[in-house]
Amino acid sequence: MEPKTATDTLTLIAERKRAFDEAEAAVKRLAREVGHVGRLFHEAVRACEQATCIRAVRGDELNEAVAALAYPAERSDA
């Protein structure tokens, strides 16, 4: 649409500004949602790391208990 009058030009500018503002708002909403998903992802990774650490500790404790039962003479109670 080629504006023919000053009013047409102002109307066109207003329409484009409104479209830009709507697009900008959509991008900001998307960025917030992506940020939220990113935080959830990092929380999940942290939970997995903690679970792995807990399993490793329990595994070490289990290994120590088995070793103590299997080799009671070598166990040192200092």
PDB file of N, CA and C in Angstrom:
ATOM      1  N   MET A   1       0.850  -1.184   0.000  1.00  0.00           N
ATOM      2  CA  MET A   1       0.000   0.000   0.000  1.00  0.00           C
ATOM      3  C   MET A   1       0.891   1.241   0.000  1.00  0.00           C
ATOM      4  N   GLU A   2       0.743   2.030  -1.008  1.00  0.00           N
ATOM      5  CA  GLU A   2       1.491   3.282  -1.116  1.00  0.00           C
ATOM      6  C   GLU A   2       0.639   4.397  -0.525  1.00  0.00           C
ATOM      7  N   PRO A   3       1.129   5.050   0.541  1.00  0.00           N
ATOM      8  CA  PRO A   3       0.340   6.117   1.149  1.00  0.00           C
ATOM      9  C   PRO A   3       0.210   7.312   0.188  1.00  0.00           C
ATOM     10  N   LYS A   4      -1.012   7.877   0.171  1.00  0.00           N
ATOM     11  CA  LYS A   4      -1.269   9.012  -0.725  1.00  0.00           C
ATOM     12  C   LYS A   4      -1.373  10.335   0.024  1.00  0.00           C
ATOM     13  N   THR A   5      -1.713  10.229   1.301  1.00  0.00           N
ATOM     14  CA  THR A   5      -1.853  11.450   2.099  1.00  0.00           C
ATOM     15  C   THR A   5      -1.067  11.289   3.390  1.00  0.00           C
ATOM     16  N   ALA A   6      -0.944  12.372   4.115  1.00  0.00           N
ATOM     17  CA  ALA A   6      -0.268  12.333   5.416  1.00  0.00           C
ATOM     18  C   ALA A   6      -1.001  11.386   6.374  1.00  0.00           C
ATOM     19  N   THR A   7      -2.322  11.387   6.290  1.00  0.00           N
ATOM     20  CA  THR A   7      -3.113  10.501   7.148  1.00  0.00           C
ATOM     21  C   THR A   7      -2.833   9.039   6.800  1.00  0.00           C
ATOM     22  N   ASP A   8      -2.740   8.738   5.511  1.00  0.00           N
ATOM     23  CA  ASP A   8      -2.410   7.374   5.088  1.00  0.00           C
ATOM     24  C   ASP A   8      -1.033   6.961   5.622  1.00  0.00           C
ATOM     25  N   THR A   9      -0.093   7.894   5.549  1.00  0.00           N
ATOM     26  CA  THR A   9       1.262   7.626   6.032  1.00  0.00           C
ATOM     27  C   THR A   9       1.251   7.349   7.532  1.00  0.00           C
ATOM     28  N   LEU A  10       0.527   8.182   8.280  1.00  0.00           N
ATOM     29  CA  LEU A  10       0.443   7.978   9.735  1.00  0.00           C
ATOM     30  C   LEU A  10      -0.257   6.665  10.077  1.00  0.00           C
ATOM     31  N   THR A  11      -1.285   6.329   9.335  1.00  0.00           N
ATOM     32  CA  THR A  11      -1.992   5.067   9.558  1.00  0.00           C
ATOM     33  C   THR A  11      -1.069   3.887   9.291  1.00  0.00           C
ATOM     34  N   LEU A  12      -0.315   3.954   8.216  1.00  0.00           N
ATOM     35  CA  LEU A  12       0.630   2.889   7.873  1.00  0.00           C
ATOM     36  C   LEU A  12       1.704   2.748   8.946  1.00  0.00           C
ATOM     37  N   ILE A  13       2.230   3.872   9.396  1.00  0.00           N
ATOM     38  CA  ILE A  13       3.238   3.856  10.468  1.00  0.00           C
ATOM     39  C   ILE A  13       2.656   3.242  11.736  1.00  0.00           C
ATOM     40  N   ALA A  14       1.445   3.606  12.098  1.00  0.00           N
ATOM     41  CA  ALA A  14       0.800   3.064  13.298  1.00  0.00           C
ATOM     42  C   ALA A  14       0.589   1.550  13.179  1.00  0.00           C
ATOM     43  N   GLU A  15       0.166   1.089  11.997  1.00  0.00           N
ATOM     44  CA  GLU A  15      -0.043  -0.350  11.783  1.00  0.00           C
ATOM     45  C   GLU A  15       1.274  -1.117  11.897  1.00  0.00           C
ATOM     46  N   ARG A  16       2.320  -0.565  11.306  1.00  0.00           N
ATOM     47  CA  ARG A  16       3.636  -1.227  11.370  1.00  0.00           C
ATOM     48  C   ARG A  16       4.184  -1.221  12.788  1.00  0.00           C
ATOM     49  N   LYS A  17       3.963  -0.114  13.505  1.00  0.00           N
ATOM     50  CA  LYS A  17       4.424  -0.043  14.900  1.00  0.00           C
ATOM     51  C   LYS A  17       3.683  -1.063  15.747  1.00  0.00           C
ATOM     52  N   ARG A  18       2.377  -1.189  15.550  1.00  0.00           N
ATOM     53  CA  ARG A  18       1.574  -2.155  16.293  1.00  0.00           C
ATOM     54  C   ARG A  18       2.055  -3.587  15.987  1.00  0.00           C
ATOM     55  N   ALA A  19       2.317  -3.874  14.712  1.00  0.00           N
ATOM     56  CA  ALA A  19       2.813  -5.206  14.325  1.00  0.00           C
ATOM     57  C   ALA A  19       4.183  -5.470  14.960  1.00  0.00           C
ATOM     58  N   PHE A  20       5.045  -4.438  14.961  1.00  0.00           N
ATOM     59  CA  PHE A  20       6.357  -4.582  15.583  1.00  0.00           C
ATOM     60  C   PHE A  20       6.219  -4.838  17.082  1.00  0.00           C
ATOM     61  N   ASP A  21       5.359  -4.082  17.753  1.00  0.00           N
ATOM     62  CA  ASP A  21       5.160  -4.254  19.199  1.00  0.00           C
ATOM     63  C   ASP A  21       4.633  -5.656  19.526  1.00  0.00           C
ATOM     64  N   GLU A  22       3.720  -6.160  18.692  1.00  0.00           N
ATOM     65  CA  GLU A  22       3.192  -7.509  18.904  1.00  0.00           C
ATOM     66  C   GLU A  22       4.289  -8.551  18.715  1.00  0.00           C
ATOM     67  N   ALA A  23       5.109  -8.363  17.703  1.00  0.00           N
ATOM     68  CA  ALA A  23       6.213  -9.297  17.463  1.00  0.00           C
ATOM     69  C   ALA A  23       7.229  -9.244  18.604  1.00  0.00           C
ATOM     70  N   GLU A  24       7.514  -8.041  19.061  1.00  0.00           N
ATOM     71  CA  GLU A  24       8.455  -7.878  20.169  1.00  0.00           C
ATOM     72  C   GLU A  24       7.924  -8.559  21.427  1.00  0.00           C
ATOM     73  N   ALA A  25       6.647  -8.398  21.719  1.00  0.00           N
ATOM     74  CA  ALA A  25       6.039  -9.039  22.884  1.00  0.00           C
ATOM     75  C   ALA A  25       6.098 -10.561  22.756  1.00  0.00           C
ATOM     76  N   ALA A  26       5.863 -11.071  21.553  1.00  0.00           N
ATOM     77  CA  ALA A  26       5.929 -12.518  21.334  1.00  0.00           C
ATOM     78  C   ALA A  26       7.345 -13.042  21.564  1.00  0.00           C
ATOM     79  N   VAL A  27       8.336 -12.300  21.090  1.00  0.00           N
ATOM     80  CA  VAL A  27       9.725 -12.708  21.288  1.00  0.00           C
ATOM     81  C   VAL A  27      10.076 -12.694  22.778  1.00  0.00           C
ATOM     82  N   LYS A  28       9.618 -11.698  23.500  1.00  0.00           N
ATOM     83  CA  LYS A  28       9.894 -11.627  24.941  1.00  0.00           C
ATOM     84  C   LYS A  28       9.230 -12.785  25.683  1.00  0.00           C
ATOM     85  N   ARG A  29       7.979 -13.125  25.297  1.00  0.00           N
ATOM     86  CA  ARG A  29       7.304 -14.277  25.921  1.00  0.00           C
ATOM     87  C   ARG A  29       8.085 -15.561  25.650  1.00  0.00           C
ATOM     88  N   LEU A  30       8.513 -15.727  24.414  1.00  0.00           N
ATOM     89  CA  LEU A  30       9.282 -16.908  24.041  1.00  0.00           C
ATOM     90  C   LEU A  30      10.585 -16.977  24.833  1.00  0.00           C
ATOM     91  N   ALA A  31      11.258 -15.858  24.973  1.00  0.00           N
ATOM     92  CA  ALA A  31      12.514 -15.827  25.731  1.00  0.00           C
ATOM     93  C   ALA A  31      12.283 -16.219  27.185  1.00  0.00           C
ATOM     94  N   ARG A  32      11.180 -15.748  27.772  1.00  0.00           N
ATOM     95  CA  ARG A  32      10.868 -16.127  29.155  1.00  0.00           C
ATOM     96  C   ARG A  32      10.624 -17.631  29.256  1.00  0.00           C
ATOM     97  N   GLU A  33       9.879 -18.172  28.302  1.00  0.00           N
ATOM     98  CA  GLU A  33       9.574 -19.600  28.331  1.00  0.00           C
ATOM     99  C   GLU A  33      10.828 -20.431  28.107  1.00  0.00           C
ATOM    100  N   VAL A  34      11.684 -20.003  27.196  1.00  0.00           N
ATOM    101  CA  VAL A  34      12.939 -20.713  26.965  1.00  0.00           C
ATOM    102  C   VAL A  34      13.794 -20.651  28.230  1.00  0.00           C
ATOM    103  N   GLY A  35      13.820 -19.506  28.876  1.00  0.00           N
ATOM    104  CA  GLY A  35      14.556 -19.379  30.134  1.00  0.00           C
ATOM    105  C   GLY A  35      14.007 -20.315  31.187  1.00  0.00           C
ATOM    106  N   HIS A  36      12.691 -20.437  31.258  1.00  0.00           N
ATOM    107  CA  HIS A  36      12.058 -21.337  32.225  1.00  0.00           C
ATOM    108  C   HIS A  36      12.437 -22.785  31.926  1.00  0.00           C
ATOM    109  N   VAL A  37      12.390 -23.152  30.650  1.00  0.00           N
ATOM    110  CA  VAL A  37      12.767 -24.515  30.258  1.00  0.00           C
ATOM    111  C   VAL A  37      14.243 -24.752  30.578  1.00  0.00           C
ATOM    112  N   GLY A  38      15.065 -23.748  30.354  1.00  0.00           N
ATOM    113  CA  GLY A  38      16.490 -23.868  30.681  1.00  0.00           C
ATOM    114  C   GLY A  38      16.708 -24.095  32.165  1.00  0.00           C
ATOM    115  N   ARG A  39      15.967 -23.353  32.992  1.00  0.00           N
ATOM    116  CA  ARG A  39      16.086 -23.547  34.444  1.00  0.00           C
ATOM    117  C   ARG A  39      15.632 -24.950  34.837  1.00  0.00           C
ATOM    118  N   LEU A  40      14.531 -25.419  34.248  1.00  0.00           N
ATOM    119  CA  LEU A  40      14.061 -26.783  34.535  1.00  0.00           C
ATOM    120  C   LEU A  40      15.100 -27.812  34.123  1.00  0.00           C
ATOM    121  N   PHE A  41      15.729 -27.596  32.975  1.00  0.00           N
ATOM    122  CA  PHE A  41      16.764 -28.508  32.504  1.00  0.00           C
ATOM    123  C   PHE A  41      17.926 -28.553  33.496  1.00  0.00           C
ATOM    124  N   HIS A  42      18.381 -27.381  33.947  1.00  0.00           N
ATOM    125  CA  HIS A  42      19.497 -27.340  34.893  1.00  0.00           C
ATOM    126  C   HIS A  42      19.120 -27.984  36.220  1.00  0.00           C
ATOM    127  N   GLU A  43      17.881 -27.798  36.672  1.00  0.00           N
ATOM    128  CA  GLU A  43      17.427 -28.458  37.891  1.00  0.00           C
ATOM    129  C   GLU A  43      17.428 -29.973  37.721  1.00  0.00           C
ATOM    130  N   ALA A  44      17.001 -30.449  36.558  1.00  0.00           N
ATOM    131  CA  ALA A  44      16.999 -31.891  36.294  1.00  0.00           C
ATOM    132  C   ALA A  44      18.418 -32.442  36.268  1.00  0.00           C
ATOM    133  N   VAL A  45      19.335 -31.707  35.645  1.00  0.00           N
ATOM    134  CA  VAL A  45      20.733 -32.139  35.607  1.00  0.00           C
ATOM    135  C   VAL A  45      21.290 -32.200  37.020  1.00  0.00           C
ATOM    136  N   ARG A  46      20.998 -31.171  37.818  1.00  0.00           N
ATOM    137  CA  ARG A  46      21.488 -31.134  39.201  1.00  0.00           C
ATOM    138  C   ARG A  46      20.925 -32.312  39.998  1.00  0.00           C
ATOM    139  N   ALA A  47      19.648 -32.616  39.806  1.00  0.00           N
ATOM    140  CA  ALA A  47      19.033 -33.745  40.511  1.00  0.00           C
ATOM    141  C   ALA A  47      19.696 -35.065  40.097  1.00  0.00           C
ATOM    142  N   CYS A  48      19.983 -35.205  38.810  1.00  0.00           N
ATOM    143  CA  CYS A  48      20.658 -36.418  38.337  1.00  0.00           C
ATOM    144  C   CYS A  48      22.062 -36.528  38.930  1.00  0.00           C
ATOM    145  N   GLU A  49      22.763 -35.404  38.975  1.00  0.00           N
ATOM    146  CA  GLU A  49      24.108 -35.413  39.561  1.00  0.00           C
ATOM    147  C   GLU A  49      24.051 -35.805  41.033  1.00  0.00           C
ATOM    148  N   GLN A  50      23.073 -35.264  41.750  1.00  0.00           N
ATOM    149  CA  GLN A  50      22.927 -35.593  43.163  1.00  0.00           C
ATOM    150  C   GLN A  50      22.578 -37.067  43.337  1.00  0.00           C
ATOM    151  N   ALA A  51      21.685 -37.582  42.505  1.00  0.00           N
ATOM    152  CA  ALA A  51      21.301 -38.992  42.588  1.00  0.00           C
ATOM    153  C   ALA A  51      22.499 -39.883  42.299  1.00  0.00           C
ATOM    154  N   THR A  52      23.297 -39.509  41.316  1.00  0.00           N
ATOM    155  CA  THR A  52      24.497 -40.286  40.986  1.00  0.00           C
ATOM    156  C   THR A  52      25.467 -40.267  42.154  1.00  0.00           C
ATOM    157  N   CYS A  53      25.619 -39.100  42.763  1.00  0.00           N
ATOM    158  CA  CYS A  53      26.522 -38.969  43.912  1.00  0.00           C
ATOM    159  C   CYS A  53      26.024 -39.834  45.068  1.00  0.00           C
ATOM    160  N   ILE A  54      24.728 -39.817  45.315  1.00  0.00           N
ATOM    161  CA  ILE A  54      24.164 -40.623  46.400  1.00  0.00           C
ATOM    162  C   ILE A  54      24.389 -42.102  46.120  1.00  0.00           C
ATOM    163  N   ARG A  55      24.151 -42.528  44.867  1.00  0.00           N
ATOM    164  CA  ARG A  55      24.384 -43.930  44.512  1.00  0.00           C
ATOM    165  C   ARG A  55      25.841 -44.296  44.707  1.00  0.00           C
ATOM    166  N   ALA A  56      26.762 -43.396  44.338  1.00  0.00           N
ATOM    167  CA  ALA A  56      28.189 -43.679  44.491  1.00  0.00           C
ATOM    168  C   ALA A  56      28.545 -43.833  45.956  1.00  0.00           C
ATOM    169  N   VAL A  57      27.996 -42.961  46.810  1.00  0.00           N
ATOM    170  CA  VAL A  57      28.268 -43.065  48.245  1.00  0.00           C
ATOM    171  C   VAL A  57      27.715 -44.380  48.778  1.00  0.00           C
ATOM    172  N   ARG A  58      26.485 -44.700  48.423  1.00  0.00           N
ATOM    173  CA  ARG A  58      25.894 -45.950  48.876  1.00  0.00           C
ATOM    174  C   ARG A  58      26.688 -47.141  48.357  1.00  0.00           C
ATOM    175  N   GLY A  59      27.163 -47.060  47.112  1.00  0.00           N
ATOM    176  CA  GLY A  59      27.976 -48.134  46.546  1.00  0.00           C
ATOM    177  C   GLY A  59      29.261 -48.313  47.315  1.00  0.00           C
ATOM    178  N   ASP A  60      29.918 -47.197  47.671  1.00  0.00           N
ATOM    179  CA  ASP A  60      31.147 -47.274  48.455  1.00  0.00           C
ATOM    180  C   ASP A  60      30.873 -47.867  49.827  1.00  0.00           C
ATOM    181  N   GLU A  61      29.783 -47.447  50.456  1.00  0.00           N
ATOM    182  CA  GLU A  61      29.442 -47.991  51.769  1.00  0.00           C
ATOM    183  C   GLU A  61      29.167 -49.490  51.683  1.00  0.00           C
ATOM    184  N   LEU A  62      28.473 -49.885  50.617  1.00  0.00           N
ATOM    185  CA  LEU A  62      28.182 -51.304  50.419  1.00  0.00           C
ATOM    186  C   LEU A  62      29.474 -52.086  50.210  1.00  0.00           C
ATOM    187  N   ASN A  63      30.373 -51.556  49.392  1.00  0.00           N
ATOM    188  CA  ASN A  63      31.663 -52.215  49.167  1.00  0.00           C
ATOM    189  C   ASN A  63      32.443 -52.356  50.464  1.00  0.00           C
ATOM    190  N   GLU A  64      32.430 -51.319  51.289  1.00  0.00           N
ATOM    191  CA  GLU A  64      33.132 -51.379  52.568  1.00  0.00           C
ATOM    192  C   GLU A  64      32.507 -52.423  53.488  1.00  0.00           C
ATOM    193  N   ALA A  65      31.187 -52.482  53.506  1.00  0.00           N
ATOM    194  CA  ALA A  65      30.502 -53.460  54.356  1.00  0.00           C
ATOM    195  C   ALA A  65      30.811 -54.877  53.900  1.00  0.00           C
ATOM    196  N   VAL A  66      30.800 -55.103  52.593  1.00  0.00           N
ATOM    197  CA  VAL A  66      31.121 -56.443  52.062  1.00  0.00           C
ATOM    198  C   VAL A  66      32.557 -56.796  52.393  1.00  0.00           C
ATOM    199  N   ALA A  67      33.470 -55.855  52.233  1.00  0.00           N
ATOM    200  CA  ALA A  67      34.884 -56.108  52.535  1.00  0.00           C
ATOM    201  C   ALA A  67      35.065 -56.408  54.019  1.00  0.00           C
ATOM    202  N   ALA A  68      34.342 -55.711  54.873  1.00  0.00           N
ATOM    203  CA  ALA A  68      34.457 -55.944  56.313  1.00  0.00           C
ATOM    204  C   ALA A  68      33.960 -57.337  56.683  1.00  0.00           C
ATOM    205  N   LEU A  69      32.909 -57.786  56.024  1.00  0.00           N
ATOM    206  CA  LEU A  69      32.396 -59.129  56.294  1.00  0.00           C
ATOM    207  C   LEU A  69      33.308 -60.198  55.700  1.00  0.00           C
ATOM    208  N   ALA A  70      33.834 -59.939  54.522  1.00  0.00           N
ATOM    209  CA  ALA A  70      34.658 -60.930  53.839  1.00  0.00           C
ATOM    210  C   ALA A  70      36.055 -61.037  54.451  1.00  0.00           C
ATOM    211  N   TYR A  71      36.584 -59.925  54.905  1.00  0.00           N
ATOM    212  CA  TYR A  71      37.949 -59.910  55.442  1.00  0.00           C
ATOM    213  C   TYR A  71      37.970 -59.218  56.801  1.00  0.00           C
ATOM    214  N   PRO A  72      37.362 -59.817  57.825  1.00  0.00           N
ATOM    215  CA  PRO A  72      37.275 -59.137  59.128  1.00  0.00           C
ATOM    216  C   PRO A  72      38.638 -58.891  59.777  1.00  0.00           C
ATOM    217  N   ALA A  73      39.631 -59.698  59.495  1.00  0.00           N
ATOM    218  CA  ALA A  73      40.943 -59.526  60.116  1.00  0.00           C
ATOM    219  C   ALA A  73      41.670 -58.314  59.554  1.00  0.00           C
ATOM    220  N   GLU A  74      41.405 -57.946  58.332  1.00  0.00           N
ATOM    221  CA  GLU A  74      42.092 -56.818  57.706  1.00  0.00           C
ATOM    222  C   GLU A  74      41.432 -55.488  58.017  1.00  0.00           C
ATOM    223  N   ARG A  75      40.272 -55.521  58.623  1.00  0.00           N
ATOM    224  CA  ARG A  75      39.538 -54.286  58.925  1.00  0.00           C
ATOM    225  C   ARG A  75      40.213 -53.565  60.069  1.00  0.00           C
ATOM    226  N   SER A  76      40.436 -52.284  59.930  1.00  0.00           N
ATOM    227  CA  SER A  76      41.082 -51.512  60.993  1.00  0.00           C
ATOM    228  C   SER A  76      40.049 -50.607  61.638  1.00  0.00           C
ATOM    229  N   ASP A  77      39.920 -50.721  62.923  1.00  0.00           N
ATOM    230  CA  ASP A  77      39.007 -49.860  63.697  1.00  0.00           C
ATOM    231  C   ASP A  77      39.839 -48.848  64.455  1.00  0.00           C
ATOM    232  N   ALA A  78      40.278 -47.823  63.798  1.00  0.00           N
ATOM    233  CA  ALA A  78      41.136 -46.818  64.450  1.00  0.00           C
ATOM    234  C   ALA A  78      40.327 -45.710  65.012  1.00  0.00           C
TER     235      ALA A  78
END
